[in-house]
PDB file of N, CA and C in Angstrom:
ATOM      1  N   MET A   1     105.618 100.527  94.845  1.00  0.00           N
ATOM      2  CA  MET A   1     106.864 101.204  94.152  1.00  0.00           C
ATOM      3  C   MET A   1     107.251 100.520  93.494  1.00  0.00           C
ATOM      4  N   SER A   2     107.927 101.356  92.874  1.00  0.00           N
ATOM      5  CA  SER A   2     108.080 100.733  91.286  1.00  0.00           C
ATOM      6  C   SER A   2     108.866  99.660  91.022  1.00  0.00           C
ATOM      7  N   ILE A   3     108.552  98.919  90.077  1.00  0.00           N
ATOM      8  CA  ILE A   3     110.170  97.657  89.951  1.00  0.00           C
ATOM      9  C   ILE A   3     110.184  97.519  88.649  1.00  0.00           C
ATOM     10  N   GLU A   4     112.258  97.662  88.720  1.00  0.00           N
ATOM     11  CA  GLU A   4     111.937  97.830  87.025  1.00  0.00           C
ATOM     12  C   GLU A   4     112.962  96.720  86.622  1.00  0.00           C
ATOM     13  N   ASN A   5     113.296  96.225  85.411  1.00  0.00           N
ATOM     14  CA  ASN A   5     113.530  94.854  85.371  1.00  0.00           C
ATOM     15  C   ASN A   5     114.096  95.283  83.704  1.00  0.00           C
ATOM     16  N   GLN A   6     115.060  93.987  83.322  1.00  0.00           N
ATOM     17  CA  GLN A   6     115.616  94.563  82.272  1.00  0.00           C
ATOM     18  C   GLN A   6     114.444  93.604  81.217  1.00  0.00           C
ATOM     19  N   SER A   7     114.042  92.997  80.839  1.00  0.00           N
ATOM     20  CA  SER A   7     112.470  92.730  80.238  1.00  0.00           C
ATOM     21  C   SER A   7     111.360  93.111  79.737  1.00  0.00           C
ATOM     22  N   ALA A   8     110.522  92.808  78.585  1.00  0.00           N
ATOM     23  CA  ALA A   8     109.577  93.575  77.701  1.00  0.00           C
ATOM     24  C   ALA A   8     108.679  93.336  78.634  1.00  0.00           C
ATOM     25  N   ARG A   9     108.583  92.663  79.574  1.00  0.00           N
ATOM     26  CA  ARG A   9     106.687  92.729  80.407  1.00  0.00           C
ATOM     27  C   ARG A   9     106.783  94.199  81.410  1.00  0.00           C
ATOM     28  N   ALA A  10     105.519  94.473  81.907  1.00  0.00           N
ATOM     29  CA  ALA A  10     105.694  94.898  82.744  1.00  0.00           C
ATOM     30  C   ALA A  10     105.302  94.371  84.234  1.00  0.00           C
ATOM     31  N   ALA A  11     106.214  95.198  84.959  1.00  0.00           N
ATOM     32  CA  ALA A  11     106.733  95.316  86.435  1.00  0.00           C
ATOM     33  C   ALA A  11     104.998  94.914  87.013  1.00  0.00           C
ATOM     34  N   LEU A  12     105.422  94.357  88.306  1.00  0.00           N
ATOM     35  CA  LEU A  12     104.577  93.454  89.097  1.00  0.00           C
ATOM     36  C   LEU A  12     104.332  94.780  89.437  1.00  0.00           C
ATOM     37  N   ASP A  13     103.021  94.927  89.525  1.00  0.00           N
ATOM     38  CA  ASP A  13     101.684  96.246  90.553  1.00  0.00           C
ATOM     39  C   ASP A  13     101.325  95.787  91.685  1.00  0.00           C
ATOM     40  N   PRO A  14     102.238  96.679  92.545  1.00  0.00           N
ATOM     41  CA  PRO A  14     101.265  95.745  94.190  1.00  0.00           C
ATOM     42  C   PRO A  14      99.898  96.451  94.252  1.00  0.00           C
ATOM     43  N   ALA A  15      99.150  97.249  93.320  1.00  0.00           N
ATOM     44  CA  ALA A  15      97.866  97.500  93.454  1.00  0.00           C
ATOM     45  C   ALA A  15      97.255  96.941  93.167  1.00  0.00           C
ATOM     46  N   VAL A  16      97.765  95.892  92.039  1.00  0.00           N
ATOM     47  CA  VAL A  16      96.468  94.544  91.751  1.00  0.00           C
ATOM     48  C   VAL A  16      96.654  93.629  92.638  1.00  0.00           C
ATOM     49  N   PHE A  17      98.003  93.389  93.519  1.00  0.00           N
ATOM     50  CA  PHE A  17      97.890  92.086  94.253  1.00  0.00           C
ATOM     51  C   PHE A  17      97.454  92.621  95.073  1.00  0.00           C
ATOM     52  N   ASP A  18      97.470  93.899  96.252  1.00  0.00           N
ATOM     53  CA  ASP A  18      96.836  94.064  97.250  1.00  0.00           C
ATOM     54  C   ASP A  18      95.095  93.919  97.144  1.00  0.00           C
ATOM     55  N   ALA A  19      94.641  94.509  95.905  1.00  0.00           N
ATOM     56  CA  ALA A  19      92.998  93.833  95.606  1.00  0.00           C
ATOM     57  C   ALA A  19      93.299  92.950  95.364  1.00  0.00           C
ATOM     58  N   LEU A  20      93.738  91.168  95.039  1.00  0.00           N
ATOM     59  CA  LEU A  20      93.127  90.637  94.641  1.00  0.00           C
ATOM     60  C   LEU A  20      93.467  89.570  95.912  1.00  0.00           C
ATOM     61  N   ALA A  21      94.572  90.222  96.721  1.00  0.00           N
ATOM     62  CA  ALA A  21      94.355  89.784  97.900  1.00  0.00           C
ATOM     63  C   ALA A  21      93.274  89.910  98.908  1.00  0.00           C
ATOM     64  N   GLY A  22      92.720  90.976  98.731  1.00  0.00           N
ATOM     65  CA  GLY A  22      91.631  91.288  99.842  1.00  0.00           C
ATOM     66  C   GLY A  22      90.391  90.422  99.024  1.00  0.00           C
ATOM     67  N   GLU A  23      90.055  90.244  98.324  1.00  0.00           N
ATOM     68  CA  GLU A  23      89.543  89.553  97.511  1.00  0.00           C
ATOM     69  C   GLU A  23      89.309  87.967  97.371  1.00  0.00           C
ATOM     70  N   LEU A  24      90.791  87.407  97.849  1.00  0.00           N
ATOM     71  CA  LEU A  24      91.110  86.181  98.249  1.00  0.00           C
ATOM     72  C   LEU A  24      91.193  85.763  99.048  1.00  0.00           C
ATOM     73  N   GLY A  25      91.010  86.805 100.794  1.00  0.00           N
ATOM     74  CA  GLY A  25      91.236  86.424 101.996  1.00  0.00           C
ATOM     75  C   GLY A  25      92.925  85.685 101.938  1.00  0.00           C
ATOM     76  N   LEU A  26      93.634  86.624 101.196  1.00  0.00           N
ATOM     77  CA  LEU A  26      95.081  86.483 101.487  1.00  0.00           C
ATOM     78  C   LEU A  26      95.598  86.981 102.949  1.00  0.00           C
ATOM     79  N   GLY A  27      97.092  86.654 103.435  1.00  0.00           N
ATOM     80  CA  GLY A  27      97.302  87.872 104.111  1.00  0.00           C
ATOM     81  C   GLY A  27      98.457  88.713 103.699  1.00  0.00           C
ATOM     82  N   LEU A  28      98.950  89.031 104.233  1.00  0.00           N
ATOM     83  CA  LEU A  28     100.146  89.944 103.591  1.00  0.00           C
ATOM     84  C   LEU A  28     100.509  89.485 102.239  1.00  0.00           C
ATOM     85  N   VAL A  29     100.347  90.855 101.623  1.00  0.00           N
ATOM     86  CA  VAL A  29     101.037  90.713 100.427  1.00  0.00           C
ATOM     87  C   VAL A  29     102.875  91.706 100.552  1.00  0.00           C
ATOM     88  N   SER A  30     103.549  91.467  99.898  1.00  0.00           N
ATOM     89  CA  SER A  30     104.741  91.991  99.725  1.00  0.00           C
ATOM     90  C   SER A  30     105.772  91.657  98.231  1.00  0.00           C
ATOM     91  N   ILE A  31     105.806  92.728  97.812  1.00  0.00           N
ATOM     92  CA  ILE A  31     106.647  92.916  97.004  1.00  0.00           C
ATOM     93  C   ILE A  31     107.740  93.306  97.139  1.00  0.00           C
ATOM     94  N   ARG A  32     108.938  92.664  96.451  1.00  0.00           N
ATOM     95  CA  ARG A  32     110.536  93.517  96.892  1.00  0.00           C
ATOM     96  C   ARG A  32     110.679  93.294  95.471  1.00  0.00           C
ATOM     97  N   GLU A  33     111.527  94.186  95.156  1.00  0.00           N
ATOM     98  CA  GLU A  33     112.512  94.610  93.722  1.00  0.00           C
ATOM     99  C   GLU A  33     113.243  93.326  93.808  1.00  0.00           C
ATOM    100  N   THR A  34     114.237  93.349  95.142  1.00  0.00           N
ATOM    101  CA  THR A  34     115.462  92.035  95.340  1.00  0.00           C
ATOM    102  C   THR A  34     114.609  91.414  96.707  1.00  0.00           C
ATOM    103  N   SER A  35     115.407  90.621  96.718  1.00  0.00           N
ATOM    104  CA  SER A  35     115.317  90.049  97.708  1.00  0.00           C
ATOM    105  C   SER A  35     116.745  89.064  97.995  1.00  0.00           C
ATOM    106  N   GLY A  36     116.968  88.264  99.055  1.00  0.00           N
ATOM    107  CA  GLY A  36     118.049  87.732  99.671  1.00  0.00           C
ATOM    108  C   GLY A  36     117.206  86.150  99.014  1.00  0.00           C
ATOM    109  N   SER A  37     115.927  85.822 100.092  1.00  0.00           N
ATOM    110  CA  SER A  37     115.617  84.202  99.980  1.00  0.00           C
ATOM    111  C   SER A  37     114.419  84.502 100.207  1.00  0.00           C
ATOM    112  N   THR A  38     113.305  84.496  99.666  1.00  0.00           N
ATOM    113  CA  THR A  38     112.069  84.768  99.932  1.00  0.00           C
ATOM    114  C   THR A  38     111.348  84.412 100.728  1.00  0.00           C
ATOM    115  N   PRO A  39     111.510  82.596 101.301  1.00  0.00           N
ATOM    116  CA  PRO A  39     111.425  81.675 102.068  1.00  0.00           C
ATOM    117  C   PRO A  39     111.861  82.165 103.321  1.00  0.00           C
ATOM    118  N   THR A  40     112.930  82.799 103.561  1.00  0.00           N
ATOM    119  CA  THR A  40     113.532  83.044 105.012  1.00  0.00           C
ATOM    120  C   THR A  40     112.877  84.771 105.164  1.00  0.00           C
ATOM    121  N   GLU A  41     113.063  85.114 104.408  1.00  0.00           N
ATOM    122  CA  GLU A  41     112.244  86.943 104.291  1.00  0.00           C
ATOM    123  C   GLU A  41     110.915  86.330 104.706  1.00  0.00           C
ATOM    124  N   LEU A  42     109.988  85.828 103.995  1.00  0.00           N
ATOM    125  CA  LEU A  42     108.912  85.542 104.953  1.00  0.00           C
ATOM    126  C   LEU A  42     108.968  85.170 105.781  1.00  0.00           C
ATOM    127  N   ALA A  43     109.830  83.843 106.042  1.00  0.00           N
ATOM    128  CA  ALA A  43     109.549  83.664 107.903  1.00  0.00           C
ATOM    129  C   ALA A  43     109.752  84.267 108.573  1.00  0.00           C
ATOM    130  N   ASP A  44     111.089  84.989 108.254  1.00  0.00           N
ATOM    131  CA  ASP A  44     111.267  86.006 109.320  1.00  0.00           C
ATOM    132  C   ASP A  44     109.762  86.953 109.284  1.00  0.00           C
ATOM    133  N   LEU A  45     108.898  87.524 108.539  1.00  0.00           N
ATOM    134  CA  LEU A  45     107.680  88.676 108.808  1.00  0.00           C
ATOM    135  C   LEU A  45     106.553  87.669 109.336  1.00  0.00           C
ATOM    136  N   ALA A  46     106.900  86.055 109.397  1.00  0.00           N
ATOM    137  CA  ALA A  46     106.085  85.369 110.267  1.00  0.00           C
ATOM    138  C   ALA A  46     106.308  85.601 111.876  1.00  0.00           C
ATOM    139  N   ALA A  47     108.170  85.347 111.667  1.00  0.00           N
ATOM    140  CA  ALA A  47     108.465  85.547 113.279  1.00  0.00           C
ATOM    141  C   ALA A  47     107.761  86.649 114.283  1.00  0.00           C
ATOM    142  N   SER A  48     108.141  87.631 113.668  1.00  0.00           N
ATOM    143  CA  SER A  48     107.644  88.818 113.857  1.00  0.00           C
ATOM    144  C   SER A  48     106.022  89.517 114.010  1.00  0.00           C
ATOM    145  N   GLY A  49     105.792  88.686 113.568  1.00  0.00           N
ATOM    146  CA  GLY A  49     103.651  88.904 113.676  1.00  0.00           C
ATOM    147  C   GLY A  49     103.701  89.547 112.512  1.00  0.00           C
ATOM    148  N   GLN A  50     104.094  90.032 111.412  1.00  0.00           N
ATOM    149  CA  GLN A  50     104.137  90.126 110.113  1.00  0.00           C
ATOM    150  C   GLN A  50     103.456  89.982 109.258  1.00  0.00           C
ATOM    151  N   ALA A  51     103.157  88.639 109.128  1.00  0.00           N
ATOM    152  CA  ALA A  51     102.833  87.404 107.872  1.00  0.00           C
ATOM    153  C   ALA A  51     101.996  86.639 108.939  1.00  0.00           C
ATOM    154  N   GLY A  52     100.918  86.674 108.133  1.00  0.00           N
ATOM    155  CA  GLY A  52     100.560  85.225 108.718  1.00  0.00           C
ATOM    156  C   GLY A  52      99.518  83.653 107.856  1.00  0.00           C
ATOM    157  N   ASN A  53      98.912  83.440 107.902  1.00  0.00           N
ATOM    158  CA  ASN A  53      98.630  81.888 106.686  1.00  0.00           C
ATOM    159  C   ASN A  53      98.374  83.111 105.595  1.00  0.00           C
ATOM    160  N   LEU A  54      98.276  81.896 104.435  1.00  0.00           N
ATOM    161  CA  LEU A  54      98.157  82.761 103.252  1.00  0.00           C
ATOM    162  C   LEU A  54      99.362  83.856 102.778  1.00  0.00           C
ATOM    163  N   SER A  55      99.604  84.493 103.955  1.00  0.00           N
ATOM    164  CA  SER A  55     100.639  85.309 102.925  1.00  0.00           C
ATOM    165  C   SER A  55     101.625  85.056 102.185  1.00  0.00           C
ATOM    166  N   VAL A  56     101.750  85.885 101.178  1.00  0.00           N
ATOM    167  CA  VAL A  56     102.822  85.698  99.966  1.00  0.00           C
ATOM    168  C   VAL A  56     103.974  86.684  99.673  1.00  0.00           C
ATOM    169  N   TYR A  57     104.799  86.610  99.912  1.00  0.00           N
ATOM    170  CA  TYR A  57     106.495  87.098  99.287  1.00  0.00           C
ATOM    171  C   TYR A  57     106.560  86.580  97.657  1.00  0.00           C
ATOM    172  N   PHE A  58     106.765  88.145  97.092  1.00  0.00           N
ATOM    173  CA  PHE A  58     107.442  87.987  95.549  1.00  0.00           C
ATOM    174  C   PHE A  58     108.804  88.796  95.382  1.00  0.00           C
ATOM    175  N   THR A  59     109.064  88.049  94.611  1.00  0.00           N
ATOM    176  CA  THR A  59     110.360  89.111  94.392  1.00  0.00           C
ATOM    177  C   THR A  59     110.716  89.214  92.651  1.00  0.00           C
ATOM    178  N   GLU A  60     111.817  89.495  92.294  1.00  0.00           N
ATOM    179  CA  GLU A  60     111.573  89.603  90.971  1.00  0.00           C
ATOM    180  C   GLU A  60     113.351  89.506  90.842  1.00  0.00           C
ATOM    181  N   HIS A  61     113.967  89.423  91.858  1.00  0.00           N
ATOM    182  CA  HIS A  61     115.799  89.171  92.046  1.00  0.00           C
ATOM    183  C   HIS A  61     116.164  88.530  92.901  1.00  0.00           C
ATOM    184  N   GLN A  62     116.225  87.043  93.421  1.00  0.00           N
ATOM    185  CA  GLN A  62     116.479  86.907  94.330  1.00  0.00           C
ATOM    186  C   GLN A  62     117.965  86.436  94.356  1.00  0.00           C
ATOM    187  N   GLN A  63     118.559  87.028  95.484  1.00  0.00           N
ATOM    188  CA  GLN A  63     119.954  86.926  95.771  1.00  0.00           C
ATOM    189  C   GLN A  63     120.569  85.515  96.560  1.00  0.00           C
ATOM    190  N   GLN A  64     119.999  85.065  97.032  1.00  0.00           N
ATOM    191  CA  GLN A  64     120.394  84.109  97.998  1.00  0.00           C
ATOM    192  C   GLN A  64     119.975  82.528  98.411  1.00  0.00           C
ATOM    193  N   GLY A  65     118.955  82.908  97.581  1.00  0.00           N
ATOM    194  CA  GLY A  65     118.227  81.268  97.943  1.00  0.00           C
ATOM    195  C   GLY A  65     118.521  80.191  97.610  1.00  0.00           C
ATOM    196  N   LYS A  66     118.227  79.251  98.232  1.00  0.00           N
ATOM    197  CA  LYS A  66     118.683  77.770  98.329  1.00  0.00           C
ATOM    198  C   LYS A  66     117.430  76.653  98.114  1.00  0.00           C
ATOM    199  N   GLY A  67     117.996  75.989  96.690  1.00  0.00           N
ATOM    200  CA  GLY A  67     116.790  74.642  96.628  1.00  0.00           C
ATOM    201  C   GLY A  67     117.414  73.745  97.435  1.00  0.00           C
ATOM    202  N   ARG A  68     116.656  72.825  96.440  1.00  0.00           N
ATOM    203  CA  ARG A  68     117.033  70.962  96.949  1.00  0.00           C
ATOM    204  C   ARG A  68     119.021  71.171  97.638  1.00  0.00           C
ATOM    205  N   LEU A  69     118.642  70.298  98.390  1.00  0.00           N
ATOM    206  CA  LEU A  69     120.052  69.744  98.883  1.00  0.00           C
ATOM    207  C   LEU A  69     121.055  70.817  98.679  1.00  0.00           C
ATOM    208  N   GLY A  70     120.749  71.757  99.081  1.00  0.00           N
ATOM    209  CA  GLY A  70     121.685  73.083  99.198  1.00  0.00           C
ATOM    210  C   GLY A  70     122.001  73.813  98.025  1.00  0.00           C
ATOM    211  N   ARG A  71     121.606  73.324  97.588  1.00  0.00           N
ATOM    212  CA  ARG A  71     121.977  74.261  95.908  1.00  0.00           C
ATOM    213  C   ARG A  71     121.375  75.809  96.013  1.00  0.00           C
ATOM    214  N   GLY A  72     122.246  76.268  95.412  1.00  0.00           N
ATOM    215  CA  GLY A  72     121.876  77.666  95.571  1.00  0.00           C
ATOM    216  C   GLY A  72     120.540  77.984  94.534  1.00  0.00           C
ATOM    217  N   TRP A  73     120.018  78.684  94.554  1.00  0.00           N
ATOM    218  CA  TRP A  73     118.570  79.015  93.877  1.00  0.00           C
ATOM    219  C   TRP A  73     118.403  80.945  93.945  1.00  0.00           C
ATOM    220  N   ILE A  74     119.378  81.209  92.736  1.00  0.00           N
ATOM    221  CA  ILE A  74     119.161  82.743  91.698  1.00  0.00           C
ATOM    222  C   ILE A  74     118.707  83.153  90.658  1.00  0.00           C
ATOM    223  N   THR A  75     118.004  83.609  90.862  1.00  0.00           N
ATOM    224  CA  THR A  75     117.022  84.758  89.965  1.00  0.00           C
ATOM    225  C   THR A  75     117.853  85.884  89.263  1.00  0.00           C
ATOM    226  N   PRO A  76     117.829  86.226  87.849  1.00  0.00           N
ATOM    227  CA  PRO A  76     118.933  87.562  87.364  1.00  0.00           C
ATOM    228  C   PRO A  76     117.313  88.142  88.095  1.00  0.00           C
ATOM    229  N   ALA A  77     117.895  89.965  87.812  1.00  0.00           N
ATOM    230  CA  ALA A  77     116.627  90.452  87.747  1.00  0.00           C
ATOM    231  C   ALA A  77     115.634  90.790  86.320  1.00  0.00           C
ATOM    232  N   GLY A  78     114.702  90.307  86.434  1.00  0.00           N
ATOM    233  CA  GLY A  78     113.627  90.506  85.592  1.00  0.00           C
ATOM    234  C   GLY A  78     113.688  89.378  84.581  1.00  0.00           C
ATOM    235  N   SER A  79     114.579  87.824  85.007  1.00  0.00           N
ATOM    236  CA  SER A  79     113.757  87.515  84.581  1.00  0.00           C
ATOM    237  C   SER A  79     112.970  85.933  85.048  1.00  0.00           C
ATOM    238  N   SER A  80     112.523  86.267  85.986  1.00  0.00           N
ATOM    239  CA  SER A  80     111.453  85.775  86.848  1.00  0.00           C
ATOM    240  C   SER A  80     111.078  86.238  87.588  1.00  0.00           C
ATOM    241  N   ILE A  81     110.006  85.353  88.643  1.00  0.00           N
ATOM    242  CA  ILE A  81     109.132  85.775  90.087  1.00  0.00           C
ATOM    243  C   ILE A  81     109.552  84.698  90.687  1.00  0.00           C
ATOM    244  N   THR A  82     110.205  84.478  92.104  1.00  0.00           N
ATOM    245  CA  THR A  82     110.197  83.919  93.065  1.00  0.00           C
ATOM    246  C   THR A  82     109.645  84.546  93.634  1.00  0.00           C
ATOM    247  N   VAL A  83     108.209  83.393  94.301  1.00  0.00           N
ATOM    248  CA  VAL A  83     107.245  83.669  95.457  1.00  0.00           C
ATOM    249  C   VAL A  83     107.551  82.801  96.349  1.00  0.00           C
ATOM    250  N   SER A  84     107.032  83.154  97.445  1.00  0.00           N
ATOM    251  CA  SER A  84     106.925  82.485  99.003  1.00  0.00           C
ATOM    252  C   SER A  84     105.669  82.450  98.991  1.00  0.00           C
ATOM    253  N   VAL A  85     105.017  81.351  99.877  1.00  0.00           N
ATOM    254  CA  VAL A  85     103.440  81.400 100.590  1.00  0.00           C
ATOM    255  C   VAL A  85     103.710  80.499 101.650  1.00  0.00           C
ATOM    256  N   LEU A  86     102.916  81.677 102.733  1.00  0.00           N
ATOM    257  CA  LEU A  86     103.336  80.780 104.272  1.00  0.00           C
ATOM    258  C   LEU A  86     101.938  80.043 104.267  1.00  0.00           C
ATOM    259  N   ALA A  87     101.694  79.555 104.289  1.00  0.00           N
ATOM    260  CA  ALA A  87     100.698  78.058 104.419  1.00  0.00           C
ATOM    261  C   ALA A  87     100.973  77.554 105.899  1.00  0.00           C
ATOM    262  N   VAL A  88      99.659  78.128 106.993  1.00  0.00           N
ATOM    263  CA  VAL A  88      99.973  77.499 108.095  1.00  0.00           C
ATOM    264  C   VAL A  88      98.910  76.004 108.257  1.00  0.00           C
ATOM    265  N   PRO A  89      99.385  74.884 108.926  1.00  0.00           N
ATOM    266  CA  PRO A  89      98.465  73.874 109.036  1.00  0.00           C
ATOM    267  C   PRO A  89      97.799  73.929 109.837  1.00  0.00           C
ATOM    268  N   GLY A  90      96.421  73.201 109.294  1.00  0.00           N
ATOM    269  CA  GLY A  90      95.122  73.033 110.552  1.00  0.00           C
ATOM    270  C   GLY A  90      94.338  72.146 109.650  1.00  0.00           C
ATOM    271  N   ASP A  91      93.181  72.146 110.094  1.00  0.00           N
ATOM    272  CA  ASP A  91      92.005  71.354 110.240  1.00  0.00           C
ATOM    273  C   ASP A  91      91.837  71.305 108.349  1.00  0.00           C
ATOM    274  N   ALA A  92      91.543  72.242 107.733  1.00  0.00           N
ATOM    275  CA  ALA A  92      91.776  72.557 106.075  1.00  0.00           C
ATOM    276  C   ALA A  92      93.152  71.896 105.573  1.00  0.00           C
ATOM    277  N   MET A  93      93.984  72.118 106.059  1.00  0.00           N
ATOM    278  CA  MET A  93      95.303  71.410 105.936  1.00  0.00           C
ATOM    279  C   MET A  93      96.198  70.428 106.669  1.00  0.00           C
ATOM    280  N   PRO A  94      95.703  69.174 106.430  1.00  0.00           N
ATOM    281  CA  PRO A  94      96.577  67.998 107.704  1.00  0.00           C
ATOM    282  C   PRO A  94      97.932  67.867 107.464  1.00  0.00           C
ATOM    283  N   THR A  95      98.529  67.751 108.640  1.00  0.00           N
ATOM    284  CA  THR A  95     100.240  67.783 108.566  1.00  0.00           C
ATOM    285  C   THR A  95     100.815  66.582 107.814  1.00  0.00           C
ATOM    286  N   ASP A  96      99.477  65.518 107.301  1.00  0.00           N
ATOM    287  CA  ASP A  96     100.218  64.795 106.927  1.00  0.00           C
ATOM    288  C   ASP A  96      99.859  64.854 105.289  1.00  0.00           C
ATOM    289  N   SER A  97      99.383  65.619 105.146  1.00  0.00           N
ATOM    290  CA  SER A  97      99.550  65.821 103.590  1.00  0.00           C
ATOM    291  C   SER A  97     100.469  66.635 103.432  1.00  0.00           C
ATOM    292  N   LEU A  98     100.915  67.645 103.694  1.00  0.00           N
ATOM    293  CA  LEU A  98     102.224  68.734 103.612  1.00  0.00           C
ATOM    294  C   LEU A  98     103.032  68.159 102.776  1.00  0.00           C
ATOM    295  N   SER A  99     103.663  66.752 102.615  1.00  0.00           N
ATOM    296  CA  SER A  99     104.417  66.895 101.793  1.00  0.00           C
ATOM    297  C   SER A  99     103.929  67.144 100.287  1.00  0.00           C
ATOM    298  N   TRP A 100     102.967  66.732 100.304  1.00  0.00           N
ATOM    299  CA  TRP A 100     102.386  67.168  98.622  1.00  0.00           C
ATOM    300  C   TRP A 100     102.659  68.271  98.291  1.00  0.00           C
ATOM    301  N   TYR A 101     101.986  69.169  99.672  1.00  0.00           N
ATOM    302  CA  TYR A 101     101.898  70.373  99.453  1.00  0.00           C
ATOM    303  C   TYR A 101     102.620  71.907  97.860  1.00  0.00           C
ATOM    304  N   THR A 102     104.017  71.047  98.061  1.00  0.00           N
ATOM    305  CA  THR A 102     104.810  71.785  97.312  1.00  0.00           C
ATOM    306  C   THR A 102     103.973  71.633  96.088  1.00  0.00           C
ATOM    307  N   MET A 103     104.376  70.030  95.455  1.00  0.00           N
ATOM    308  CA  MET A 103     104.227  69.775  93.847  1.00  0.00           C
ATOM    309  C   MET A 103     102.900  70.474  93.810  1.00  0.00           C
ATOM    310  N   LEU A 104     101.570  70.473  94.347  1.00  0.00           N
ATOM    311  CA  LEU A 104     101.110  70.962  94.062  1.00  0.00           C
ATOM    312  C   LEU A 104     100.215  72.135  93.810  1.00  0.00           C
ATOM    313  N   ALA A 105     101.082  73.240  94.993  1.00  0.00           N
ATOM    314  CA  ALA A 105     100.736  74.520  94.539  1.00  0.00           C
ATOM    315  C   ALA A 105     101.517  75.005  93.360  1.00  0.00           C
ATOM    316  N   ALA A 106     103.093  74.124  93.120  1.00  0.00           N
ATOM    317  CA  ALA A 106     103.026  74.561  91.558  1.00  0.00           C
ATOM    318  C   ALA A 106     102.532  74.152  90.832  1.00  0.00           C
ATOM    319  N   LEU A 107     102.114  73.126  90.532  1.00  0.00           N
ATOM    320  CA  LEU A 107     101.293  72.527  89.327  1.00  0.00           C
ATOM    321  C   LEU A 107      99.993  73.479  89.223  1.00  0.00           C
ATOM    322  N   ALA A 108      99.210  73.991  90.589  1.00  0.00           N
ATOM    323  CA  ALA A 108      98.370  75.353  90.524  1.00  0.00           C
ATOM    324  C   ALA A 108      98.680  76.299  90.062  1.00  0.00           C
ATOM    325  N   TRP A 109     100.172  76.930  90.559  1.00  0.00           N
ATOM    326  CA  TRP A 109     100.337  78.313  89.934  1.00  0.00           C
ATOM    327  C   TRP A 109     100.674  78.167  88.283  1.00  0.00           C
ATOM    328  N   CYS A 110     101.073  77.626  87.967  1.00  0.00           N
ATOM    329  CA  CYS A 110     101.683  77.050  86.290  1.00  0.00           C
ATOM    330  C   CYS A 110     100.062  77.151  85.412  1.00  0.00           C
ATOM    331  N   GLN A 111      99.216  76.486  86.245  1.00  0.00           N
ATOM    332  CA  GLN A 111      97.873  76.098  85.433  1.00  0.00           C
ATOM    333  C   GLN A 111      96.943  77.608  85.251  1.00  0.00           C
ATOM    334  N   ALA A 112      97.321  78.382  86.753  1.00  0.00           N
ATOM    335  CA  ALA A 112      96.970  79.635  86.914  1.00  0.00           C
ATOM    336  C   ALA A 112      97.880  80.416  85.609  1.00  0.00           C
ATOM    337  N   VAL A 113      98.883  80.642  86.052  1.00  0.00           N
ATOM    338  CA  VAL A 113      99.541  81.480  84.721  1.00  0.00           C
ATOM    339  C   VAL A 113      99.525  81.433  83.900  1.00  0.00           C
ATOM    340  N   GLU A 114      99.169  80.123  83.027  1.00  0.00           N
ATOM    341  CA  GLU A 114      98.539  79.414  81.336  1.00  0.00           C
ATOM    342  C   GLU A 114      97.496  80.568  81.569  1.00  0.00           C
ATOM    343  N   GLU A 115      96.145  79.939  82.262  1.00  0.00           N
ATOM    344  CA  GLU A 115      95.078  80.243  81.994  1.00  0.00           C
ATOM    345  C   GLU A 115      95.282  81.865  81.960  1.00  0.00           C
ATOM    346  N   GLN A 116      95.394  82.692  82.687  1.00  0.00           N
ATOM    347  CA  GLN A 116      95.833  84.099  82.661  1.00  0.00           C
ATOM    348  C   GLN A 116      96.723  84.451  81.517  1.00  0.00           C
ATOM    349  N   THR A 117      97.645  83.545  80.793  1.00  0.00           N
ATOM    350  CA  THR A 117      98.641  84.715  80.062  1.00  0.00           C
ATOM    351  C   THR A 117      98.632  84.048  78.752  1.00  0.00           C
ATOM    352  N   GLY A 118      98.533  83.325  78.718  1.00  0.00           N
ATOM    353  CA  GLY A 118      98.596  81.775  77.794  1.00  0.00           C
ATOM    354  C   GLY A 118     100.309  81.699  77.602  1.00  0.00           C
ATOM    355  N   VAL A 119     100.749  81.515  78.734  1.00  0.00           N
ATOM    356  CA  VAL A 119     101.994  80.954  78.333  1.00  0.00           C
ATOM    357  C   VAL A 119     102.393  79.981  79.040  1.00  0.00           C
ATOM    358  N   ALA A 120     102.918  79.665  78.600  1.00  0.00           N
ATOM    359  CA  ALA A 120     102.742  77.759  79.265  1.00  0.00           C
ATOM    360  C   ALA A 120     104.085  78.156  80.783  1.00  0.00           C
ATOM    361  N   ALA A 121     104.144  77.985  81.520  1.00  0.00           N
ATOM    362  CA  ALA A 121     105.623  78.357  82.429  1.00  0.00           C
ATOM    363  C   ALA A 121     105.378  76.354  83.382  1.00  0.00           C
TER     364      ALA A 121
END
């Protein structure tokens, strides 16, 4: 799939993500040019049995996302990458630790982006 955007950076390459998913033991990795809401669409994939633990859903243009307190979370095409990750609680992730998960995951993503690209996220 080709993802076009308005920025000078390279488009996301699904083949690269598929290879990484295999190396890391991830579930489904889905890259979409546009999305209504990444968490909603990933939840739909999980409900239909297509996505499981550690599945990842990316888009470069989220059109109907919701942030905290019901605020809109829209990303103009090519301006950013919106990502949702499905993490199923279990022995490795006790439910009483889930309140910290989003903040820790965001920190890890930011550190990984900076280490891999030299760009502060």
